[in-house]
Each structure stands twice: as structure tokens, then as C-alpha cells.
Amino acid sequence: MDDPFDLSGKVALVTGSSAGLGKALALAWAGRGATVAGAARRSQEETRRAIEEGAGPGRFIEIRADFAEAGAADKAVEAAV
């Protein structure tokens, strides 16, 4: 039976992945195999390191974005794709 929570081969765009709920979500999805495209204004070094050092089989791609700026969401999606 397939694991319904297996995210292998999927890409998850997570905003605010540098801290708090965004970081927790990024770690959880990476733990299920997703490639996490983390978008945040601040450095996401801790999130990247946690994923690369064992939060799961997923990968992490850092996207610097300030969603208060016009067009930032479109650019983040484009970078994730």
C-alpha cells in the first residue's frame, strides 16, 4: 500500500521558512521527502542545515523574497518551478 503522506518527487513552496511555523512546516515536508523551496526575507541557513543534516530525505532551495513587494509571490513561484 502506498504511503499517502509520501511527498517524494514533489516541490513545496513554504513562505516564512526562516523561523516559526514556516520553518516547522519546511522541516515536516522535507521529512516526508519533498523538495522544499523556502521563501523568506531573512537567512534560512538554520532551516537548510536542519534539512540537509537529517530532517528527512527532502532537499532545500533557498529563495530570498519580501512579499510586501509587488510581484514577489510570482518571482518566488517561478524560482520554485
N, C-alpha and C. Protein backbone atom coordinates (compact mmCIF):
# COMPACT_ATOMS: atom_id res chain seq x y z
N MET A 1 0.84 -1.18 0.00
CA MET A 1 0.00 0.00 0.00
C MET A 1 0.88 1.25 0.00
N ASP A 2 0.54 2.19 -0.83
CA ASP A 2 1.31 3.44 -0.91
C ASP A 2 1.09 4.29 0.34
N ASP A 3 2.15 4.99 0.72
CA ASP A 3 2.08 5.92 1.86
C ASP A 3 1.41 7.20 1.38
N PRO A 4 0.22 7.54 1.89
CA PRO A 4 -0.47 8.74 1.42
C PRO A 4 0.23 10.04 1.82
N PHE A 5 1.21 9.95 2.72
CA PHE A 5 1.94 11.13 3.16
C PHE A 5 3.32 11.25 2.52
N ASP A 6 3.63 10.37 1.59
CA ASP A 6 4.92 10.41 0.90
C ASP A 6 4.92 11.57 -0.09
N LEU A 7 5.85 12.51 0.08
CA LEU A 7 5.94 13.67 -0.80
C LEU A 7 7.15 13.61 -1.72
N SER A 8 7.73 12.44 -1.87
CA SER A 8 8.88 12.27 -2.76
C SER A 8 8.52 12.72 -4.16
N GLY A 9 9.42 13.50 -4.77
CA GLY A 9 9.18 13.98 -6.13
C GLY A 9 8.30 15.22 -6.20
N LYS A 10 7.86 15.72 -5.07
CA LYS A 10 7.02 16.93 -5.03
C LYS A 10 7.85 18.12 -4.58
N VAL A 11 7.42 19.31 -4.98
CA VAL A 11 8.06 20.55 -4.54
C VAL A 11 7.05 21.33 -3.72
N ALA A 12 7.47 21.77 -2.53
CA ALA A 12 6.61 22.56 -1.65
C ALA A 12 7.20 23.95 -1.50
N LEU A 13 6.44 24.98 -1.85
CA LEU A 13 6.86 26.36 -1.64
C LEU A 13 6.37 26.78 -0.26
N VAL A 14 7.30 27.08 0.63
CA VAL A 14 6.95 27.45 2.01
C VAL A 14 7.41 28.87 2.26
N THR A 15 6.48 29.75 2.59
CA THR A 15 6.84 31.13 2.91
C THR A 15 7.16 31.22 4.40
N GLY A 16 8.05 32.13 4.73
CA GLY A 16 8.43 32.32 6.12
C GLY A 16 9.19 31.14 6.71
N SER A 17 9.97 30.46 5.89
CA SER A 17 10.63 29.24 6.33
C SER A 17 11.90 29.48 7.15
N SER A 18 12.19 30.73 7.48
CA SER A 18 13.38 31.01 8.29
C SER A 18 13.12 30.80 9.79
N ALA A 19 11.85 30.76 10.21
CA ALA A 19 11.55 30.63 11.64
C ALA A 19 10.09 30.23 11.85
N GLY A 20 9.77 29.89 13.06
CA GLY A 20 8.39 29.65 13.46
C GLY A 20 7.68 28.55 12.70
N LEU A 21 6.40 28.81 12.40
CA LEU A 21 5.58 27.81 11.72
C LEU A 21 6.08 27.47 10.32
N GLY A 22 6.60 28.47 9.61
CA GLY A 22 7.13 28.21 8.28
C GLY A 22 8.31 27.25 8.33
N LYS A 23 9.19 27.44 9.30
CA LYS A 23 10.33 26.55 9.45
C LYS A 23 9.86 25.14 9.82
N ALA A 24 8.91 25.06 10.74
CA ALA A 24 8.39 23.76 11.16
C ALA A 24 7.74 23.02 9.99
N LEU A 25 7.01 23.74 9.17
CA LEU A 25 6.37 23.14 8.01
C LEU A 25 7.42 22.67 6.99
N ALA A 26 8.44 23.48 6.77
CA ALA A 26 9.51 23.10 5.85
C ALA A 26 10.19 21.81 6.31
N LEU A 27 10.47 21.71 7.61
CA LEU A 27 11.12 20.51 8.14
C LEU A 27 10.20 19.30 8.03
N ALA A 28 8.92 19.49 8.31
CA ALA A 28 7.97 18.37 8.23
C ALA A 28 7.83 17.86 6.81
N TRP A 29 7.70 18.77 5.85
CA TRP A 29 7.54 18.34 4.46
C TRP A 29 8.82 17.71 3.92
N ALA A 30 9.97 18.25 4.30
CA ALA A 30 11.24 17.63 3.89
C ALA A 30 11.35 16.24 4.50
N GLY A 31 10.84 16.09 5.70
CA GLY A 31 10.86 14.79 6.37
C GLY A 31 10.02 13.75 5.66
N ARG A 32 9.10 14.21 4.85
CA ARG A 32 8.25 13.31 4.06
C ARG A 32 8.75 13.19 2.62
N GLY A 33 9.92 13.79 2.33
CA GLY A 33 10.54 13.60 1.04
C GLY A 33 10.43 14.74 0.05
N ALA A 34 9.73 15.80 0.39
CA ALA A 34 9.55 16.92 -0.55
C ALA A 34 10.83 17.72 -0.71
N THR A 35 10.98 18.31 -1.89
CA THR A 35 11.97 19.35 -2.08
C THR A 35 11.29 20.63 -1.62
N VAL A 36 11.85 21.29 -0.63
CA VAL A 36 11.25 22.50 -0.07
C VAL A 36 11.91 23.73 -0.67
N ALA A 37 11.12 24.56 -1.30
CA ALA A 37 11.56 25.86 -1.77
C ALA A 37 11.14 26.86 -0.70
N GLY A 38 12.08 27.25 0.13
CA GLY A 38 11.78 28.14 1.25
C GLY A 38 11.95 29.59 0.84
N ALA A 39 10.92 30.38 1.07
CA ALA A 39 10.96 31.80 0.71
C ALA A 39 10.82 32.64 1.98
N ALA A 40 11.79 33.52 2.18
CA ALA A 40 11.77 34.39 3.35
C ALA A 40 12.67 35.59 3.12
N ARG A 41 12.46 36.63 3.94
CA ARG A 41 13.31 37.82 3.85
C ARG A 41 14.67 37.58 4.49
N ARG A 42 14.68 36.80 5.55
CA ARG A 42 15.92 36.56 6.31
C ARG A 42 16.62 35.28 5.85
N SER A 43 17.84 35.13 6.33
CA SER A 43 18.61 33.92 6.03
C SER A 43 17.87 32.69 6.53
N GLN A 44 17.94 31.64 5.76
CA GLN A 44 17.29 30.38 6.12
C GLN A 44 18.33 29.29 6.36
N GLU A 45 19.51 29.72 6.76
CA GLU A 45 20.63 28.81 6.97
C GLU A 45 20.29 27.69 7.95
N GLU A 46 19.64 28.03 9.05
CA GLU A 46 19.29 27.01 10.05
C GLU A 46 18.33 25.99 9.47
N THR A 47 17.37 26.44 8.70
CA THR A 47 16.40 25.52 8.08
C THR A 47 17.11 24.62 7.08
N ARG A 48 17.94 25.21 6.23
CA ARG A 48 18.68 24.44 5.24
C ARG A 48 19.55 23.39 5.92
N ARG A 49 20.28 23.81 6.95
CA ARG A 49 21.18 22.90 7.65
C ARG A 49 20.40 21.75 8.30
N ALA A 50 19.29 22.06 8.93
CA ALA A 50 18.48 21.02 9.57
C ALA A 50 17.98 19.99 8.56
N ILE A 51 17.57 20.45 7.40
CA ILE A 51 17.09 19.53 6.36
C ILE A 51 18.24 18.71 5.81
N GLU A 52 19.35 19.35 5.51
CA GLU A 52 20.49 18.63 4.94
C GLU A 52 21.15 17.67 5.92
N GLU A 53 21.02 17.95 7.22
CA GLU A 53 21.66 17.11 8.22
C GLU A 53 20.73 16.10 8.85
N GLY A 54 19.58 15.88 8.24
CA GLY A 54 18.79 14.77 8.74
C GLY A 54 17.33 14.97 9.04
N ALA A 55 16.73 16.08 8.65
CA ALA A 55 15.30 16.23 8.90
C ALA A 55 14.49 15.30 8.02
N GLY A 56 15.13 14.72 7.04
CA GLY A 56 14.43 13.79 6.16
C GLY A 56 15.11 13.67 4.82
N PRO A 57 14.49 12.95 3.92
CA PRO A 57 15.11 12.71 2.62
C PRO A 57 14.97 13.87 1.64
N GLY A 58 14.21 14.90 2.00
CA GLY A 58 13.99 16.02 1.08
C GLY A 58 15.19 16.93 0.94
N ARG A 59 15.07 17.86 0.00
CA ARG A 59 16.12 18.87 -0.25
C ARG A 59 15.57 20.23 0.09
N PHE A 60 16.47 21.24 0.11
CA PHE A 60 16.05 22.61 0.40
C PHE A 60 16.63 23.57 -0.63
N ILE A 61 15.80 24.44 -1.12
CA ILE A 61 16.20 25.50 -2.05
C ILE A 61 15.82 26.83 -1.39
N GLU A 62 16.80 27.70 -1.20
CA GLU A 62 16.54 29.00 -0.55
C GLU A 62 16.15 30.05 -1.58
N ILE A 63 15.05 30.75 -1.30
CA ILE A 63 14.58 31.85 -2.14
C ILE A 63 14.45 33.07 -1.23
N ARG A 64 15.18 34.13 -1.54
CA ARG A 64 15.03 35.37 -0.79
C ARG A 64 13.86 36.14 -1.38
N ALA A 65 12.89 36.48 -0.54
CA ALA A 65 11.70 37.18 -1.03
C ALA A 65 11.09 38.02 0.08
N ASP A 66 10.63 39.20 -0.30
CA ASP A 66 9.88 40.08 0.60
C ASP A 66 8.50 40.23 -0.03
N PHE A 67 7.52 39.57 0.54
CA PHE A 67 6.19 39.53 -0.06
C PHE A 67 5.42 40.84 0.07
N ALA A 68 6.03 41.84 0.69
CA ALA A 68 5.43 43.17 0.71
C ALA A 68 5.69 43.89 -0.62
N GLU A 69 6.64 43.37 -1.38
CA GLU A 69 6.98 43.97 -2.68
C GLU A 69 6.08 43.39 -3.78
N ALA A 70 5.67 44.26 -4.69
CA ALA A 70 4.83 43.83 -5.81
C ALA A 70 5.58 42.80 -6.65
N GLY A 71 4.91 41.74 -7.01
CA GLY A 71 5.49 40.73 -7.87
C GLY A 71 6.35 39.70 -7.16
N ALA A 72 6.55 39.83 -5.85
CA ALA A 72 7.42 38.91 -5.12
C ALA A 72 6.87 37.49 -5.13
N ALA A 73 5.56 37.35 -5.01
CA ALA A 73 4.97 36.00 -5.00
C ALA A 73 5.19 35.30 -6.35
N ASP A 74 4.99 36.03 -7.43
CA ASP A 74 5.20 35.46 -8.76
C ASP A 74 6.66 35.03 -8.93
N LYS A 75 7.58 35.87 -8.46
CA LYS A 75 9.01 35.54 -8.59
C LYS A 75 9.36 34.32 -7.76
N ALA A 76 8.77 34.18 -6.57
CA ALA A 76 9.04 33.03 -5.72
C ALA A 76 8.53 31.74 -6.37
N VAL A 77 7.34 31.79 -6.93
CA VAL A 77 6.80 30.62 -7.62
C VAL A 77 7.66 30.25 -8.80
N GLU A 78 8.07 31.24 -9.57
CA GLU A 78 8.93 31.00 -10.72
C GLU A 78 10.25 30.35 -10.30
N ALA A 79 10.83 30.84 -9.21
CA ALA A 79 12.09 30.27 -8.72
C ALA A 79 11.90 28.84 -8.24
N ALA A 80 10.76 28.56 -7.62
CA ALA A 80 10.49 27.20 -7.14
C ALA A 80 10.30 26.22 -8.29
N VAL A 81 9.65 26.69 -9.33
CA VAL A 81 9.42 25.83 -10.50
C VAL A 81 10.73 25.58 -11.20
